[in-house]
Amino acid sequence: MMRMIVNENVTRTVIDELRQRGHDVISIKESMRGEGDSVILTRAEAEQRLVVTHDKDFGELAFRFQLSATCGIVLFRLSGSEPDADNQRILDVLESRTDWAGGLDHNSGRCQH
């Protein structure tokens, strides 16, 4: 089971499926709508939740502004032309490993894994 905080731009289909698979998922749409990315990242850090997003701003916060992101950030950049396939790809990638935490290297801007 993973603990995640899922940004507003991730589909309800993915959120529901992650929950069905036993993951502890906070949806920004449900509980933090309109909060700034820095507030979301701070909560993810405090609760040790993986950030799942399509928004490059989280990487910007971690690298440029040096906000702590040891919880891990997974950024998906998918075509959007096949929503069902995109949703499945997100699920497959997230469940392909359990060691997302600490996956960002602030010095080089590259993923350590």
PDB file of N, CA and C in Angstrom:
ATOM      1  N   MET A   1       0.839  -1.181   0.000  1.00  0.00           N
ATOM      2  CA  MET A   1       0.000   0.000   0.000  1.00  0.00           C
ATOM      3  C   MET A   1       0.883   1.243   0.000  1.00  0.00           C
ATOM      4  N   MET A   2       0.556   2.170  -0.865  1.00  0.00           N
ATOM      5  CA  MET A   2       1.275   3.453  -0.909  1.00  0.00           C
ATOM      6  C   MET A   2       0.360   4.560  -0.427  1.00  0.00           C
ATOM      7  N   ARG A   3       0.998   5.596   0.110  1.00  0.00           N
ATOM      8  CA  ARG A   3       0.286   6.813   0.515  1.00  0.00           C
ATOM      9  C   ARG A   3       0.576   7.865  -0.553  1.00  0.00           C
ATOM     10  N   MET A   4      -0.491   8.436  -1.122  1.00  0.00           N
ATOM     11  CA  MET A   4      -0.340   9.394  -2.220  1.00  0.00           C
ATOM     12  C   MET A   4      -1.216  10.609  -1.995  1.00  0.00           C
ATOM     13  N   ILE A   5      -0.757  11.699  -2.589  1.00  0.00           N
ATOM     14  CA  ILE A   5      -1.595  12.885  -2.713  1.00  0.00           C
ATOM     15  C   ILE A   5      -1.664  13.149  -4.211  1.00  0.00           C
ATOM     16  N   VAL A   6      -2.877  13.164  -4.737  1.00  0.00           N
ATOM     17  CA  VAL A   6      -3.091  13.179  -6.181  1.00  0.00           C
ATOM     18  C   VAL A   6      -3.647  14.532  -6.595  1.00  0.00           C
ATOM     19  N   ASN A   7      -2.946  15.180  -7.505  1.00  0.00           N
ATOM     20  CA  ASN A   7      -3.284  16.528  -7.931  1.00  0.00           C
ATOM     21  C   ASN A   7      -4.626  16.573  -8.663  1.00  0.00           C
ATOM     22  N   GLU A   8      -5.165  17.777  -8.782  1.00  0.00           N
ATOM     23  CA  GLU A   8      -6.484  17.990  -9.397  1.00  0.00           C
ATOM     24  C   GLU A   8      -6.562  17.518 -10.843  1.00  0.00           C
ATOM     25  N   ASN A   9      -5.434  17.444 -11.518  1.00  0.00           N
ATOM     26  CA  ASN A   9      -5.451  17.094 -12.938  1.00  0.00           C
ATOM     27  C   ASN A   9      -5.405  15.584 -13.201  1.00  0.00           C
ATOM     28  N   VAL A  10      -5.420  14.773 -12.166  1.00  0.00           N
ATOM     29  CA  VAL A  10      -5.468  13.317 -12.313  1.00  0.00           C
ATOM     30  C   VAL A  10      -6.937  12.889 -12.293  1.00  0.00           C
ATOM     31  N   THR A  11      -7.293  11.990 -13.188  1.00  0.00           N
ATOM     32  CA  THR A  11      -8.702  11.634 -13.365  1.00  0.00           C
ATOM     33  C   THR A  11      -9.288  10.879 -12.172  1.00  0.00           C
ATOM     34  N   ARG A  12     -10.581  11.016 -12.024  1.00  0.00           N
ATOM     35  CA  ARG A  12     -11.337  10.298 -11.002  1.00  0.00           C
ATOM     36  C   ARG A  12     -11.167   8.787 -11.191  1.00  0.00           C
ATOM     37  N   THR A  13     -11.101   8.333 -12.428  1.00  0.00           N
ATOM     38  CA  THR A  13     -10.918   6.910 -12.723  1.00  0.00           C
ATOM     39  C   THR A  13      -9.653   6.375 -12.052  1.00  0.00           C
ATOM     40  N   VAL A  14      -8.555   7.108 -12.174  1.00  0.00           N
ATOM     41  CA  VAL A  14      -7.289   6.689 -11.572  1.00  0.00           C
ATOM     42  C   VAL A  14      -7.395   6.716 -10.048  1.00  0.00           C
ATOM     43  N   ILE A  15      -7.953   7.766  -9.508  1.00  0.00           N
ATOM     44  CA  ILE A  15      -8.098   7.892  -8.048  1.00  0.00           C
ATOM     45  C   ILE A  15      -8.923   6.728  -7.493  1.00  0.00           C
ATOM     46  N   ASP A  16     -10.076   6.460  -8.102  1.00  0.00           N
ATOM     47  CA  ASP A  16     -10.943   5.384  -7.627  1.00  0.00           C
ATOM     48  C   ASP A  16     -10.247   4.032  -7.721  1.00  0.00           C
ATOM     49  N   GLU A  17      -9.532   3.794  -8.804  1.00  0.00           N
ATOM     50  CA  GLU A  17      -8.856   2.512  -8.976  1.00  0.00           C
ATOM     51  C   GLU A  17      -7.720   2.346  -7.973  1.00  0.00           C
ATOM     52  N   LEU A  18      -6.976   3.403  -7.714  1.00  0.00           N
ATOM     53  CA  LEU A  18      -5.915   3.330  -6.704  1.00  0.00           C
ATOM     54  C   LEU A  18      -6.496   2.977  -5.339  1.00  0.00           C
ATOM     55  N   ARG A  19      -7.609   3.587  -5.006  1.00  0.00           N
ATOM     56  CA  ARG A  19      -8.267   3.297  -3.728  1.00  0.00           C
ATOM     57  C   ARG A  19      -8.765   1.855  -3.685  1.00  0.00           C
ATOM     58  N   GLN A  20      -9.348   1.389  -4.781  1.00  0.00           N
ATOM     59  CA  GLN A  20      -9.832   0.006  -4.840  1.00  0.00           C
ATOM     60  C   GLN A  20      -8.692  -0.978  -4.644  1.00  0.00           C
ATOM     61  N   ARG A  21      -7.507  -0.607  -5.091  1.00  0.00           N
ATOM     62  CA  ARG A  21      -6.332  -1.473  -4.966  1.00  0.00           C
ATOM     63  C   ARG A  21      -5.680  -1.354  -3.591  1.00  0.00           C
ATOM     64  N   GLY A  22      -6.293  -0.581  -2.700  1.00  0.00           N
ATOM     65  CA  GLY A  22      -5.842  -0.524  -1.318  1.00  0.00           C
ATOM     66  C   GLY A  22      -4.883   0.600  -0.973  1.00  0.00           C
ATOM     67  N   HIS A  23      -4.664   1.528  -1.892  1.00  0.00           N
ATOM     68  CA  HIS A  23      -3.762   2.640  -1.621  1.00  0.00           C
ATOM     69  C   HIS A  23      -4.492   3.747  -0.855  1.00  0.00           C
ATOM     70  N   ASP A  24      -3.751   4.462  -0.036  1.00  0.00           N
ATOM     71  CA  ASP A  24      -4.262   5.576   0.757  1.00  0.00           C
ATOM     72  C   ASP A  24      -4.075   6.840  -0.083  1.00  0.00           C
ATOM     73  N   VAL A  25      -5.165   7.325  -0.662  1.00  0.00           N
ATOM     74  CA  VAL A  25      -5.091   8.417  -1.632  1.00  0.00           C
ATOM     75  C   VAL A  25      -5.872   9.630  -1.142  1.00  0.00           C
ATOM     76  N   ILE A  26      -5.188  10.769  -1.076  1.00  0.00           N
ATOM     77  CA  ILE A  26      -5.848  12.051  -0.853  1.00  0.00           C
ATOM     78  C   ILE A  26      -5.994  12.713  -2.215  1.00  0.00           C
ATOM     79  N   SER A  27      -7.205  13.083  -2.549  1.00  0.00           N
ATOM     80  CA  SER A  27      -7.486  13.774  -3.798  1.00  0.00           C
ATOM     81  C   SER A  27      -7.567  15.279  -3.522  1.00  0.00           C
ATOM     82  N   ILE A  28      -6.770  16.040  -4.225  1.00  0.00           N
ATOM     83  CA  ILE A  28      -6.807  17.500  -4.084  1.00  0.00           C
ATOM     84  C   ILE A  28      -8.194  18.019  -4.456  1.00  0.00           C
ATOM     85  N   LYS A  29      -8.820  17.415  -5.461  1.00  0.00           N
ATOM     86  CA  LYS A  29     -10.163  17.830  -5.868  1.00  0.00           C
ATOM     87  C   LYS A  29     -11.153  17.728  -4.716  1.00  0.00           C
ATOM     88  N   GLU A  30     -11.009  16.704  -3.884  1.00  0.00           N
ATOM     89  CA  GLU A  30     -11.958  16.454  -2.807  1.00  0.00           C
ATOM     90  C   GLU A  30     -11.677  17.254  -1.542  1.00  0.00           C
ATOM     91  N   SER A  31     -10.420  17.404  -1.195  1.00  0.00           N
ATOM     92  CA  SER A  31     -10.141  17.952   0.137  1.00  0.00           C
ATOM     93  C   SER A  31      -9.274  19.209   0.172  1.00  0.00           C
ATOM     94  N   MET A  32      -8.653  19.560  -0.930  1.00  0.00           N
ATOM     95  CA  MET A  32      -7.766  20.732  -0.912  1.00  0.00           C
ATOM     96  C   MET A  32      -7.938  21.592  -2.161  1.00  0.00           C
ATOM     97  N   ARG A  33      -9.102  21.560  -2.754  1.00  0.00           N
ATOM     98  CA  ARG A  33      -9.342  22.285  -4.011  1.00  0.00           C
ATOM     99  C   ARG A  33      -8.899  23.741  -3.897  1.00  0.00           C
ATOM    100  N   GLY A  34      -8.134  24.172  -4.882  1.00  0.00           N
ATOM    101  CA  GLY A  34      -7.707  25.564  -4.941  1.00  0.00           C
ATOM    102  C   GLY A  34      -6.447  25.877  -4.149  1.00  0.00           C
ATOM    103  N   GLU A  35      -5.919  24.907  -3.394  1.00  0.00           N
ATOM    104  CA  GLU A  35      -4.688  25.156  -2.635  1.00  0.00           C
ATOM    105  C   GLU A  35      -3.497  25.280  -3.585  1.00  0.00           C
ATOM    106  N   GLY A  36      -2.551  26.074  -3.184  1.00  0.00           N
ATOM    107  CA  GLY A  36      -1.345  26.256  -3.978  1.00  0.00           C
ATOM    108  C   GLY A  36      -0.461  25.023  -3.943  1.00  0.00           C
ATOM    109  N   ASP A  37       0.360  24.885  -4.977  1.00  0.00           N
ATOM    110  CA  ASP A  37       1.233  23.722  -5.075  1.00  0.00           C
ATOM    111  C   ASP A  37       2.194  23.612  -3.896  1.00  0.00           C
ATOM    112  N   SER A  38       2.659  24.737  -3.371  1.00  0.00           N
ATOM    113  CA  SER A  38       3.586  24.674  -2.236  1.00  0.00           C
ATOM    114  C   SER A  38       2.888  24.126  -0.985  1.00  0.00           C
ATOM    115  N   VAL A  39       1.606  24.441  -0.808  1.00  0.00           N
ATOM    116  CA  VAL A  39       0.837  23.911   0.323  1.00  0.00           C
ATOM    117  C   VAL A  39       0.652  22.405   0.161  1.00  0.00           C
ATOM    118  N   ILE A  40       0.372  21.984  -1.060  1.00  0.00           N
ATOM    119  CA  ILE A  40       0.182  20.563  -1.344  1.00  0.00           C
ATOM    120  C   ILE A  40       1.484  19.799  -1.100  1.00  0.00           C
ATOM    121  N   LEU A  41       2.592  20.338  -1.581  1.00  0.00           N
ATOM    122  CA  LEU A  41       3.884  19.679  -1.388  1.00  0.00           C
ATOM    123  C   LEU A  41       4.255  19.618   0.089  1.00  0.00           C
ATOM    124  N   THR A  42       3.966  20.666   0.822  1.00  0.00           N
ATOM    125  CA  THR A  42       4.240  20.673   2.262  1.00  0.00           C
ATOM    126  C   THR A  42       3.432  19.595   2.975  1.00  0.00           C
ATOM    127  N   ARG A  43       2.159  19.439   2.603  1.00  0.00           N
ATOM    128  CA  ARG A  43       1.342  18.387   3.213  1.00  0.00           C
ATOM    129  C   ARG A  43       1.871  17.005   2.834  1.00  0.00           C
ATOM    130  N   ALA A  44       2.246  16.825   1.573  1.00  0.00           N
ATOM    131  CA  ALA A  44       2.794  15.539   1.138  1.00  0.00           C
ATOM    132  C   ALA A  44       4.030  15.185   1.951  1.00  0.00           C
ATOM    133  N   GLU A  45       4.886  16.151   2.179  1.00  0.00           N
ATOM    134  CA  GLU A  45       6.095  15.930   2.974  1.00  0.00           C
ATOM    135  C   GLU A  45       5.741  15.576   4.418  1.00  0.00           C
ATOM    136  N   ALA A  46       4.830  16.333   5.004  1.00  0.00           N
ATOM    137  CA  ALA A  46       4.460  16.116   6.405  1.00  0.00           C
ATOM    138  C   ALA A  46       3.856  14.728   6.614  1.00  0.00           C
ATOM    139  N   GLU A  47       3.100  14.254   5.630  1.00  0.00           N
ATOM    140  CA  GLU A  47       2.418  12.966   5.750  1.00  0.00           C
ATOM    141  C   GLU A  47       3.135  11.849   4.994  1.00  0.00           C
ATOM    142  N   GLN A  48       4.303  12.174   4.427  1.00  0.00           N
ATOM    143  CA  GLN A  48       5.074  11.218   3.626  1.00  0.00           C
ATOM    144  C   GLN A  48       4.215  10.540   2.559  1.00  0.00           C
ATOM    145  N   ARG A  49       3.631  11.408   1.715  1.00  0.00           N
ATOM    146  CA  ARG A  49       2.800  10.941   0.610  1.00  0.00           C
ATOM    147  C   ARG A  49       3.483  11.264  -0.712  1.00  0.00           C
ATOM    148  N   LEU A  50       3.443  10.337  -1.621  1.00  0.00           N
ATOM    149  CA  LEU A  50       3.944  10.519  -2.969  1.00  0.00           C
ATOM    150  C   LEU A  50       3.021  11.492  -3.703  1.00  0.00           C
ATOM    151  N   VAL A  51       3.582  12.493  -4.377  1.00  0.00           N
ATOM    152  CA  VAL A  51       2.792  13.435  -5.164  1.00  0.00           C
ATOM    153  C   VAL A  51       2.644  12.867  -6.578  1.00  0.00           C
ATOM    154  N   VAL A  52       1.405  12.762  -7.045  1.00  0.00           N
ATOM    155  CA  VAL A  52       1.112  12.280  -8.394  1.00  0.00           C
ATOM    156  C   VAL A  52       0.456  13.429  -9.145  1.00  0.00           C
ATOM    157  N   THR A  53       1.018  13.785 -10.295  1.00  0.00           N
ATOM    158  CA  THR A  53       0.551  14.982 -10.990  1.00  0.00           C
ATOM    159  C   THR A  53       0.858  14.942 -12.483  1.00  0.00           C
ATOM    160  N   HIS A  54       0.207  15.831 -13.208  1.00  0.00           N
ATOM    161  CA  HIS A  54       0.535  16.110 -14.610  1.00  0.00           C
ATOM    162  C   HIS A  54       1.152  17.521 -14.702  1.00  0.00           C
ATOM    163  N   ASP A  55       1.363  18.144 -13.575  1.00  0.00           N
ATOM    164  CA  ASP A  55       1.762  19.547 -13.459  1.00  0.00           C
ATOM    165  C   ASP A  55       3.267  19.665 -13.171  1.00  0.00           C
ATOM    166  N   LYS A  56       4.001  20.276 -14.084  1.00  0.00           N
ATOM    167  CA  LYS A  56       5.454  20.428 -13.924  1.00  0.00           C
ATOM    168  C   LYS A  56       5.839  21.391 -12.804  1.00  0.00           C
ATOM    169  N   ASP A  57       4.888  22.121 -12.259  1.00  0.00           N
ATOM    170  CA  ASP A  57       5.197  23.100 -11.208  1.00  0.00           C
ATOM    171  C   ASP A  57       5.785  22.462  -9.954  1.00  0.00           C
ATOM    172  N   PHE A  58       5.427  21.221  -9.659  1.00  0.00           N
ATOM    173  CA  PHE A  58       5.975  20.576  -8.461  1.00  0.00           C
ATOM    174  C   PHE A  58       7.475  20.366  -8.596  1.00  0.00           C
ATOM    175  N   GLY A  59       7.924  19.998  -9.764  1.00  0.00           N
ATOM    176  CA  GLY A  59       9.361  19.869  -9.999  1.00  0.00           C
ATOM    177  C   GLY A  59      10.061  21.205  -9.864  1.00  0.00           C
ATOM    178  N   GLU A  60       9.421  22.236 -10.333  1.00  0.00           N
ATOM    179  CA  GLU A  60       9.955  23.595 -10.211  1.00  0.00           C
ATOM    180  C   GLU A  60      10.128  23.969  -8.740  1.00  0.00           C
ATOM    181  N   LEU A  61       9.126  23.653  -7.927  1.00  0.00           N
ATOM    182  CA  LEU A  61       9.224  23.944  -6.491  1.00  0.00           C
ATOM    183  C   LEU A  61      10.382  23.186  -5.856  1.00  0.00           C
ATOM    184  N   ALA A  62      10.538  21.933  -6.239  1.00  0.00           N
ATOM    185  CA  ALA A  62      11.588  21.105  -5.642  1.00  0.00           C
ATOM    186  C   ALA A  62      12.973  21.528  -6.103  1.00  0.00           C
ATOM    187  N   PHE A  63      13.134  21.840  -7.379  1.00  0.00           N
ATOM    188  CA  PHE A  63      14.464  22.127  -7.909  1.00  0.00           C
ATOM    189  C   PHE A  63      14.846  23.595  -7.813  1.00  0.00           C
ATOM    190  N   ARG A  64      14.024  24.455  -8.363  1.00  0.00           N
ATOM    191  CA  ARG A  64      14.380  25.871  -8.396  1.00  0.00           C
ATOM    192  C   ARG A  64      14.278  26.521  -7.028  1.00  0.00           C
ATOM    193  N   PHE A  65      13.196  26.198  -6.298  1.00  0.00           N
ATOM    194  CA  PHE A  65      12.956  26.849  -5.012  1.00  0.00           C
ATOM    195  C   PHE A  65      13.409  26.009  -3.829  1.00  0.00           C
ATOM    196  N   GLN A  66      13.956  24.826  -4.126  1.00  0.00           N
ATOM    197  CA  GLN A  66      14.558  23.962  -3.110  1.00  0.00           C
ATOM    198  C   GLN A  66      13.613  23.561  -1.984  1.00  0.00           C
ATOM    199  N   LEU A  67      12.304  23.468  -2.289  1.00  0.00           N
ATOM    200  CA  LEU A  67      11.378  22.946  -1.287  1.00  0.00           C
ATOM    201  C   LEU A  67      11.609  21.445  -1.167  1.00  0.00           C
ATOM    202  N   SER A  68      11.535  20.952   0.021  1.00  0.00           N
ATOM    203  CA  SER A  68      11.770  19.536   0.250  1.00  0.00           C
ATOM    204  C   SER A  68      10.738  18.698  -0.494  1.00  0.00           C
ATOM    205  N   ALA A  69      11.224  17.650  -1.155  1.00  0.00           N
ATOM    206  CA  ALA A  69      10.341  16.736  -1.872  1.00  0.00           C
ATOM    207  C   ALA A  69      10.826  15.305  -1.688  1.00  0.00           C
ATOM    208  N   THR A  70      11.263  14.983  -0.481  1.00  0.00           N
ATOM    209  CA  THR A  70      11.775  13.639  -0.230  1.00  0.00           C
ATOM    210  C   THR A  70      10.681  12.584  -0.302  1.00  0.00           C
ATOM    211  N   CYS A  71       9.420  13.015  -0.266  1.00  0.00           N
ATOM    212  CA  CYS A  71       8.301  12.088  -0.379  1.00  0.00           C
ATOM    213  C   CYS A  71       8.215  11.504  -1.788  1.00  0.00           C
ATOM    214  N   GLY A  72       8.770  12.203  -2.766  1.00  0.00           N
ATOM    215  CA  GLY A  72       8.742  11.779  -4.157  1.00  0.00           C
ATOM    216  C   GLY A  72       7.644  12.493  -4.941  1.00  0.00           C
ATOM    217  N   ILE A  73       7.954  12.752  -6.197  1.00  0.00           N
ATOM    218  CA  ILE A  73       6.991  13.363  -7.117  1.00  0.00           C
ATOM    219  C   ILE A  73       7.027  12.546  -8.398  1.00  0.00           C
ATOM    220  N   VAL A  74       5.848  12.123  -8.856  1.00  0.00           N
ATOM    221  CA  VAL A  74       5.759  11.426 -10.128  1.00  0.00           C
ATOM    222  C   VAL A  74       4.968  12.316 -11.071  1.00  0.00           C
ATOM    223  N   LEU A  75       5.627  12.744 -12.118  1.00  0.00           N
ATOM    224  CA  LEU A  75       5.034  13.632 -13.124  1.00  0.00           C
ATOM    225  C   LEU A  75       4.706  12.808 -14.358  1.00  0.00           C
ATOM    226  N   PHE A  76       3.445  12.821 -14.745  1.00  0.00           N
ATOM    227  CA  PHE A  76       3.016  12.122 -15.954  1.00  0.00           C
ATOM    228  C   PHE A  76       2.772  13.132 -17.059  1.00  0.00           C
ATOM    229  N   ARG A  77       3.376  12.901 -18.210  1.00  0.00           N
ATOM    230  CA  ARG A  77       3.164  13.718 -19.405  1.00  0.00           C
ATOM    231  C   ARG A  77       2.691  12.772 -20.498  1.00  0.00           C
ATOM    232  N   LEU A  78       1.376  12.608 -20.615  1.00  0.00           N
ATOM    233  CA  LEU A  78       0.799  11.658 -21.554  1.00  0.00           C
ATOM    234  C   LEU A  78       0.066  12.399 -22.658  1.00  0.00           C
ATOM    235  N   SER A  79      -0.173  11.723 -23.757  1.00  0.00           N
ATOM    236  CA  SER A  79      -0.747  12.365 -24.941  1.00  0.00           C
ATOM    237  C   SER A  79      -2.179  12.833 -24.749  1.00  0.00           C
ATOM    238  N   GLY A  80      -2.967  12.075 -24.006  1.00  0.00           N
ATOM    239  CA  GLY A  80      -4.367  12.439 -23.836  1.00  0.00           C
ATOM    240  C   GLY A  80      -5.254  11.965 -24.965  1.00  0.00           C
ATOM    241  N   SER A  81      -4.661  11.403 -26.004  1.00  0.00           N
ATOM    242  CA  SER A  81      -5.461  10.961 -27.144  1.00  0.00           C
ATOM    243  C   SER A  81      -6.211   9.663 -26.863  1.00  0.00           C
ATOM    244  N   GLU A  82      -5.736   8.885 -25.882  1.00  0.00           N
ATOM    245  CA  GLU A  82      -6.391   7.637 -25.499  1.00  0.00           C
ATOM    246  C   GLU A  82      -6.531   7.605 -23.978  1.00  0.00           C
ATOM    247  N   PRO A  83      -7.571   8.243 -23.433  1.00  0.00           N
ATOM    248  CA  PRO A  83      -7.709   8.368 -21.982  1.00  0.00           C
ATOM    249  C   PRO A  83      -7.649   7.040 -21.221  1.00  0.00           C
ATOM    250  N   ASP A  84      -8.300   6.000 -21.732  1.00  0.00           N
ATOM    251  CA  ASP A  84      -8.276   4.715 -21.032  1.00  0.00           C
ATOM    252  C   ASP A  84      -6.862   4.155 -20.960  1.00  0.00           C
ATOM    253  N   ALA A  85      -6.138   4.244 -22.053  1.00  0.00           N
ATOM    254  CA  ALA A  85      -4.751   3.763 -22.086  1.00  0.00           C
ATOM    255  C   ALA A  85      -3.870   4.614 -21.175  1.00  0.00           C
ATOM    256  N   ASP A  86      -4.089   5.923 -21.165  1.00  0.00           N
ATOM    257  CA  ASP A  86      -3.326   6.813 -20.275  1.00  0.00           C
ATOM    258  C   ASP A  86      -3.583   6.465 -18.817  1.00  0.00           C
ATOM    259  N   ASN A  87      -4.849   6.257 -18.452  1.00  0.00           N
ATOM    260  CA  ASN A  87      -5.187   5.894 -17.073  1.00  0.00           C
ATOM    261  C   ASN A  87      -4.508   4.593 -16.669  1.00  0.00           C
ATOM    262  N   GLN A  88      -4.541   3.608 -17.555  1.00  0.00           N
ATOM    263  CA  GLN A  88      -3.909   2.326 -17.254  1.00  0.00           C
ATOM    264  C   GLN A  88      -2.400   2.483 -17.116  1.00  0.00           C
ATOM    265  N   ARG A  89      -1.809   3.303 -17.950  1.00  0.00           N
ATOM    266  CA  ARG A  89      -0.359   3.538 -17.882  1.00  0.00           C
ATOM    267  C   ARG A  89       0.017   4.143 -16.531  1.00  0.00           C
ATOM    268  N   ILE A  90      -0.764   5.110 -16.054  1.00  0.00           N
ATOM    269  CA  ILE A  90      -0.513   5.726 -14.747  1.00  0.00           C
ATOM    270  C   ILE A  90      -0.552   4.666 -13.651  1.00  0.00           C
ATOM    271  N   LEU A  91      -1.580   3.833 -13.659  1.00  0.00           N
ATOM    272  CA  LEU A  91      -1.711   2.783 -12.650  1.00  0.00           C
ATOM    273  C   LEU A  91      -0.536   1.812 -12.709  1.00  0.00           C
ATOM    274  N   ASP A  92      -0.176   1.399 -13.923  1.00  0.00           N
ATOM    275  CA  ASP A  92       0.927   0.456 -14.091  1.00  0.00           C
ATOM    276  C   ASP A  92       2.241   1.034 -13.585  1.00  0.00           C
ATOM    277  N   VAL A  93       2.510   2.281 -13.922  1.00  0.00           N
ATOM    278  CA  VAL A  93       3.764   2.908 -13.501  1.00  0.00           C
ATOM    279  C   VAL A  93       3.805   3.063 -11.986  1.00  0.00           C
ATOM    280  N   LEU A  94       2.737   3.570 -11.397  1.00  0.00           N
ATOM    281  CA  LEU A  94       2.725   3.772  -9.953  1.00  0.00           C
ATOM    282  C   LEU A  94       2.922   2.471  -9.194  1.00  0.00           C
ATOM    283  N   GLU A  95       2.343   1.399  -9.687  1.00  0.00           N
ATOM    284  CA  GLU A  95       2.463   0.122  -8.986  1.00  0.00           C
ATOM    285  C   GLU A  95       3.688  -0.680  -9.398  1.00  0.00           C
ATOM    286  N   SER A  96       4.494  -0.137 -10.288  1.00  0.00           N
ATOM    287  CA  SER A  96       5.684  -0.857 -10.737  1.00  0.00           C
ATOM    288  C   SER A  96       6.799  -0.837  -9.703  1.00  0.00           C
ATOM    289  N   ARG A  97       6.660   0.011  -8.699  1.00  0.00           N
ATOM    290  CA  ARG A  97       7.679   0.095  -7.645  1.00  0.00           C
ATOM    291  C   ARG A  97       7.055   0.650  -6.377  1.00  0.00           C
ATOM    292  N   THR A  98       7.749   0.495  -5.280  1.00  0.00           N
ATOM    293  CA  THR A  98       7.271   1.033  -4.009  1.00  0.00           C
ATOM    294  C   THR A  98       8.276   2.001  -3.406  1.00  0.00           C
ATOM    295  N   ASP A  99       9.356   2.253  -4.118  1.00  0.00           N
ATOM    296  CA  ASP A  99      10.431   3.088  -3.578  1.00  0.00           C
ATOM    297  C   ASP A  99      10.498   4.465  -4.227  1.00  0.00           C
ATOM    298  N   TRP A 100       9.354   5.088  -4.411  1.00  0.00           N
ATOM    299  CA  TRP A 100       9.322   6.423  -5.027  1.00  0.00           C
ATOM    300  C   TRP A 100       9.905   7.494  -4.110  1.00  0.00           C
ATOM    301  N   ALA A 101       9.760   7.338  -2.817  1.00  0.00           N
ATOM    302  CA  ALA A 101      10.256   8.353  -1.870  1.00  0.00           C
ATOM    303  C   ALA A 101      11.733   8.593  -2.092  1.00  0.00           C
ATOM    304  N   GLY A 102      12.123   9.862  -2.068  1.00  0.00           N
ATOM    305  CA  GLY A 102      13.526  10.220  -2.261  1.00  0.00           C
ATOM    306  C   GLY A 102      13.961  10.114  -3.708  1.00  0.00           C
ATOM    307  N   GLY A 103      13.014  10.009  -4.622  1.00  0.00           N
ATOM    308  CA  GLY A 103      13.330   9.803  -6.032  1.00  0.00           C
ATOM    309  C   GLY A 103      13.802  11.039  -6.767  1.00  0.00           C
ATOM    310  N   LEU A 104      13.911  12.156  -6.097  1.00  0.00           N
ATOM    311  CA  LEU A 104      14.376  13.365  -6.751  1.00  0.00           C
ATOM    312  C   LEU A 104      15.766  13.725  -6.258  1.00  0.00           C
ATOM    313  N   ASP A 105      16.605  14.087  -7.179  1.00  0.00           N
ATOM    314  CA  ASP A 105      17.947  14.528  -6.830  1.00  0.00           C
ATOM    315  C   ASP A 105      17.973  16.037  -7.047  1.00  0.00           C
ATOM    316  N   HIS A 106      17.970  16.813  -5.965  1.00  0.00           N
ATOM    317  CA  HIS A 106      17.896  18.273  -6.073  1.00  0.00           C
ATOM    318  C   HIS A 106      19.117  18.889  -6.744  1.00  0.00           C
ATOM    319  N   ASN A 107      20.236  18.218  -6.700  1.00  0.00           N
ATOM    320  CA  ASN A 107      21.450  18.793  -7.267  1.00  0.00           C
ATOM    321  C   ASN A 107      21.501  18.722  -8.778  1.00  0.00           C
ATOM    322  N   SER A 108      21.119  17.605  -9.338  1.00  0.00           N
ATOM    323  CA  SER A 108      21.242  17.458 -10.772  1.00  0.00           C
ATOM    324  C   SER A 108      19.928  17.636 -11.491  1.00  0.00           C
ATOM    325  N   GLY A 109      18.802  17.596 -10.756  1.00  0.00           N
ATOM    326  CA  GLY A 109      17.499  17.700 -11.404  1.00  0.00           C
ATOM    327  C   GLY A 109      17.091  16.408 -12.082  1.00  0.00           C
ATOM    328  N   ARG A 110      17.766  15.296 -11.766  1.00  0.00           N
ATOM    329  CA  ARG A 110      17.436  14.007 -12.363  1.00  0.00           C
ATOM    330  C   ARG A 110      16.906  13.065 -11.296  1.00  0.00           C
ATOM    331  N   CYS A 111      16.104  12.130 -11.749  1.00  0.00           N
ATOM    332  CA  CYS A 111      15.581  11.120 -10.843  1.00  0.00           C
ATOM    333  C   CYS A 111      16.691  10.173 -10.461  1.00  0.00           C
ATOM    334  N   GLN A 112      16.756   9.794  -9.199  1.00  0.00           N
ATOM    335  CA  GLN A 112      17.799   8.893  -8.731  1.00  0.00           C
ATOM    336  C   GLN A 112      17.513   7.450  -9.121  1.00  0.00           C
ATOM    337  N   HIS A 113      16.293   7.097  -9.410  1.00  0.00           N
ATOM    338  CA  HIS A 113      15.953   5.687  -9.649  1.00  0.00           C
ATOM    339  C   HIS A 113      16.120   5.333 -11.090  1.00  0.00           C
TER     340      HIS A 113
END
